[in-house]
C-alpha atoms as a PDB file:
ATOM      1  CA  MET A   1    -149.134 131.816-111.943  1.00  0.00           C
ATOM      2  CA  SER A   2    -145.585 131.638-110.780  1.00  0.00           C
ATOM      3  CA  ASP A   3    -142.684 130.099-112.684  1.00  0.00           C
ATOM      4  CA  ILE A   4    -141.512 128.103-109.693  1.00  0.00           C
ATOM      5  CA  ALA A   5    -141.386 124.388-110.395  1.00  0.00           C
ATOM      6  CA  SER A   6    -142.261 121.919-107.709  1.00  0.00           C
ATOM      7  CA  PHE A   7    -141.172 118.362-107.223  1.00  0.00           C
ATOM      8  CA  GLU A   8    -144.638 117.199-108.194  1.00  0.00           C
ATOM      9  CA  ASN A   9    -144.330 118.683-111.670  1.00  0.00           C
ATOM     10  CA  LYS A  10    -140.778 117.526-112.429  1.00  0.00           C
ATOM     11  CA  PRO A  11    -139.928 114.019-111.420  1.00  0.00           C
ATOM     12  CA  GLN A  12    -136.213 113.677-110.824  1.00  0.00           C
ATOM     13  CA  GLU A  13    -134.152 110.576-111.052  1.00  0.00           C
ATOM     14  CA  LEU A  14    -131.574 110.455-108.328  1.00  0.00           C
ATOM     15  CA  LYS A  15    -128.560 108.326-109.068  1.00  0.00           C
ATOM     16  CA  PRO A  16    -126.832 107.040-105.962  1.00  0.00           C
ATOM     17  CA  LYS A  17    -123.147 107.792-105.728  1.00  0.00           C
ATOM     18  CA  THR A  18    -122.027 104.452-104.401  1.00  0.00           C
ATOM     19  CA  LYS A  19    -119.171 102.244-105.378  1.00  0.00           C
ATOM     20  CA  LYS A  20    -118.307  98.662-104.640  1.00  0.00           C
ATOM     21  CA  PRO A  21    -116.274  98.113-101.485  1.00  0.00           C
ATOM     22  CA  PRO A  22    -112.663  97.052-101.953  1.00  0.00           C
ATOM     23  CA  MET A  23    -112.248  93.281-101.975  1.00  0.00           C
ATOM     24  CA  PHE A  24    -109.631  91.161-100.242  1.00  0.00           C
ATOM     25  CA  ASP A  25    -108.240  87.700-100.945  1.00  0.00           C
ATOM     26  CA  VAL A  26    -107.729  85.201 -98.110  1.00  0.00           C
ATOM     27  CA  ILE A  27    -104.678  83.102 -98.934  1.00  0.00           C
ATOM     28  CA  LEU A  28    -103.487  79.910 -97.257  1.00  0.00           C
ATOM     29  CA  LEU A  29     -99.728  79.441 -97.041  1.00  0.00           C
ATOM     30  CA  ASN A  30     -98.057  76.050 -97.241  1.00  0.00           C
ATOM     31  CA  ASP A  31     -96.005  74.547 -94.443  1.00  0.00           C
ATOM     32  CA  ASP A  32     -94.395  71.137 -94.034  1.00  0.00           C
ATOM     33  CA  PHE A  33     -96.212  70.124 -90.860  1.00  0.00           C
ATOM     34  CA  THR A  34     -99.970  70.742 -91.141  1.00  0.00           C
ATOM     35  CA  PRO A  35    -101.791  67.562 -92.233  1.00  0.00           C
ATOM     36  CA  MET A  36    -103.658  67.767 -95.525  1.00  0.00           C
ATOM     37  CA  ASP A  37    -106.826  66.511 -93.819  1.00  0.00           C
ATOM     38  CA  PHE A  38    -106.760  69.485 -91.455  1.00  0.00           C
ATOM     39  CA  VAL A  39    -106.403  71.920 -94.378  1.00  0.00           C
ATOM     40  CA  VAL A  40    -109.417  70.314 -96.070  1.00  0.00           C
ATOM     41  CA  TYR A  41    -111.353  70.533 -92.799  1.00  0.00           C
ATOM     42  CA  VAL A  42    -110.532  74.263 -92.491  1.00  0.00           C
ATOM     43  CA  LEU A  43    -111.598  74.945 -96.075  1.00  0.00           C
ATOM     44  CA  LYS A  44    -114.905  73.146 -95.575  1.00  0.00           C
ATOM     45  CA  GLU A  45    -115.737  74.560 -92.143  1.00  0.00           C
ATOM     46  CA  ILE A  46    -114.617  78.168 -92.449  1.00  0.00           C
ATOM     47  CA  PHE A  47    -115.026  78.812 -96.172  1.00  0.00           C
ATOM     48  CA  ASN A  48    -117.931  76.397 -96.858  1.00  0.00           C
ATOM     49  CA  HIS A  49    -116.166  74.714 -99.774  1.00  0.00           C
ATOM     50  CA  THR A  50    -117.350  71.350-101.084  1.00  0.00           C
ATOM     51  CA  ASP A  51    -115.185  68.250-100.638  1.00  0.00           C
ATOM     52  CA  GLN A  52    -113.945  68.520-104.208  1.00  0.00           C
ATOM     53  CA  ALA A  53    -113.174  72.257-104.054  1.00  0.00           C
ATOM     54  CA  ALA A  54    -111.464  71.888-100.658  1.00  0.00           C
ATOM     55  CA  ASN A  55    -109.253  69.077-101.986  1.00  0.00           C
ATOM     56  CA  GLU A  56    -108.344  71.081-105.092  1.00  0.00           C
ATOM     57  CA  ILE A  57    -107.381  74.139-103.015  1.00  0.00           C
ATOM     58  CA  MET A  58    -105.433  71.984-100.554  1.00  0.00           C
ATOM     59  CA  LEU A  59    -103.442  70.418-103.418  1.00  0.00           C
ATOM     60  CA  LYS A  60    -102.756  73.851-104.880  1.00  0.00           C
ATOM     61  CA  VAL A  61    -101.442  75.036-101.500  1.00  0.00           C
ATOM     62  CA  HIS A  62     -99.302  71.899-101.256  1.00  0.00           C
ATOM     63  CA  ASN A  63     -97.895  72.095-104.800  1.00  0.00           C
ATOM     64  CA  GLU A  64     -97.619  75.855-105.364  1.00  0.00           C
ATOM     65  CA  GLY A  65     -96.999  77.110-101.839  1.00  0.00           C
ATOM     66  CA  GLN A  66    -100.189  79.130-101.518  1.00  0.00           C
ATOM     67  CA  ALA A  67    -103.761  79.339-102.768  1.00  0.00           C
ATOM     68  CA  SER A  68    -106.772  81.594-102.517  1.00  0.00           C
ATOM     69  CA  CYS A  69    -109.578  80.403-100.249  1.00  0.00           C
ATOM     70  CA  GLY A  70    -112.006  83.143-101.236  1.00  0.00           C
ATOM     71  CA  ILE A  71    -112.531  86.816-101.948  1.00  0.00           C
ATOM     72  CA  PHE A  72    -114.422  88.914 -99.422  1.00  0.00           C
ATOM     73  CA  SER A  73    -114.943  92.425 -98.102  1.00  0.00           C
ATOM     74  CA  LYS A  74    -112.197  93.578 -95.733  1.00  0.00           C
ATOM     75  CA  ASP A  75    -113.984  92.793 -92.472  1.00  0.00           C
ATOM     76  CA  LEU A  76    -115.097  89.344 -93.583  1.00  0.00           C
ATOM     77  CA  ALA A  77    -111.672  88.481 -95.030  1.00  0.00           C
ATOM     78  CA  GLU A  78    -109.933  89.490 -91.804  1.00  0.00           C
ATOM     79  CA  THR A  79    -112.444  87.526 -89.738  1.00  0.00           C
ATOM     80  CA  LYS A  80    -112.000  84.368 -91.814  1.00  0.00           C
ATOM     81  CA  SER A  81    -108.222  84.690 -91.734  1.00  0.00           C
ATOM     82  CA  TYR A  82    -108.342  85.082 -87.962  1.00  0.00           C
ATOM     83  CA  GLU A  83    -110.566  81.984 -87.688  1.00  0.00           C
ATOM     84  CA  VAL A  84    -108.111  79.928 -89.771  1.00  0.00           C
ATOM     85  CA  ASN A  85    -105.091  81.059 -87.774  1.00  0.00           C
ATOM     86  CA  ASN A  86    -106.859  80.593 -84.446  1.00  0.00           C
ATOM     87  CA  LEU A  87    -108.178  77.119 -85.326  1.00  0.00           C
ATOM     88  CA  ALA A  88    -104.702  76.066 -86.452  1.00  0.00           C
ATOM     89  CA  LYS A  89    -103.160  77.392 -83.241  1.00  0.00           C
ATOM     90  CA  ILE A  90    -105.735  75.617 -81.059  1.00  0.00           C
ATOM     91  CA  ASN A  91    -104.940  72.361 -82.882  1.00  0.00           C
ATOM     92  CA  ASP A  92    -101.156  72.905 -82.673  1.00  0.00           C
ATOM     93  CA  HIS A  93    -100.672  73.319 -86.421  1.00  0.00           C
ATOM     94  CA  PRO A  94     -98.499  76.041 -87.993  1.00  0.00           C
ATOM     95  CA  LEU A  95    -101.006  76.741 -90.795  1.00  0.00           C
ATOM     96  CA  ILE A  96    -101.206  80.458 -91.609  1.00  0.00           C
ATOM     97  CA  SER A  97    -103.566  82.494 -93.738  1.00  0.00           C
ATOM     98  CA  ILE A  98    -103.024  86.061 -94.894  1.00  0.00           C
ATOM     99  CA  VAL A  99    -105.230  88.771 -96.368  1.00  0.00           C
ATOM    100  CA  LYS A 100    -104.207  90.604 -99.531  1.00  0.00           C
ATOM    101  CA  PRO A 101    -106.082  93.486-101.170  1.00  0.00           C
ATOM    102  CA  ILE A 102    -107.310  93.026-104.715  1.00  0.00           C
ATOM    103  CA  TYR A 103    -106.573  96.012-106.911  1.00  0.00           C
ATOM    104  CA  ASP A 104    -108.732  96.724-109.945  1.00  0.00           C
END
């Protein structure tokens, strides 16, 4: 017989060479004009936060100047940031969100 091995005789374990995608933080920035109720509304509608979580984040934005709304992949973070900024603009509020990369 021949010394050639086939796949049937030697099962091989293939390990995928994948890595986690880079993650990005969506951050709300404080301003002196956007009503707190609107910020809570944005956090609930766009980021699906509960009433309690939305109020806590809103207070953090108000007291500290900024707060994280969530951590997402790049495309999703940019989409959510765009939705926040667009919704604020439509409602004549100066609320702004930004996207920052998270480095490991």
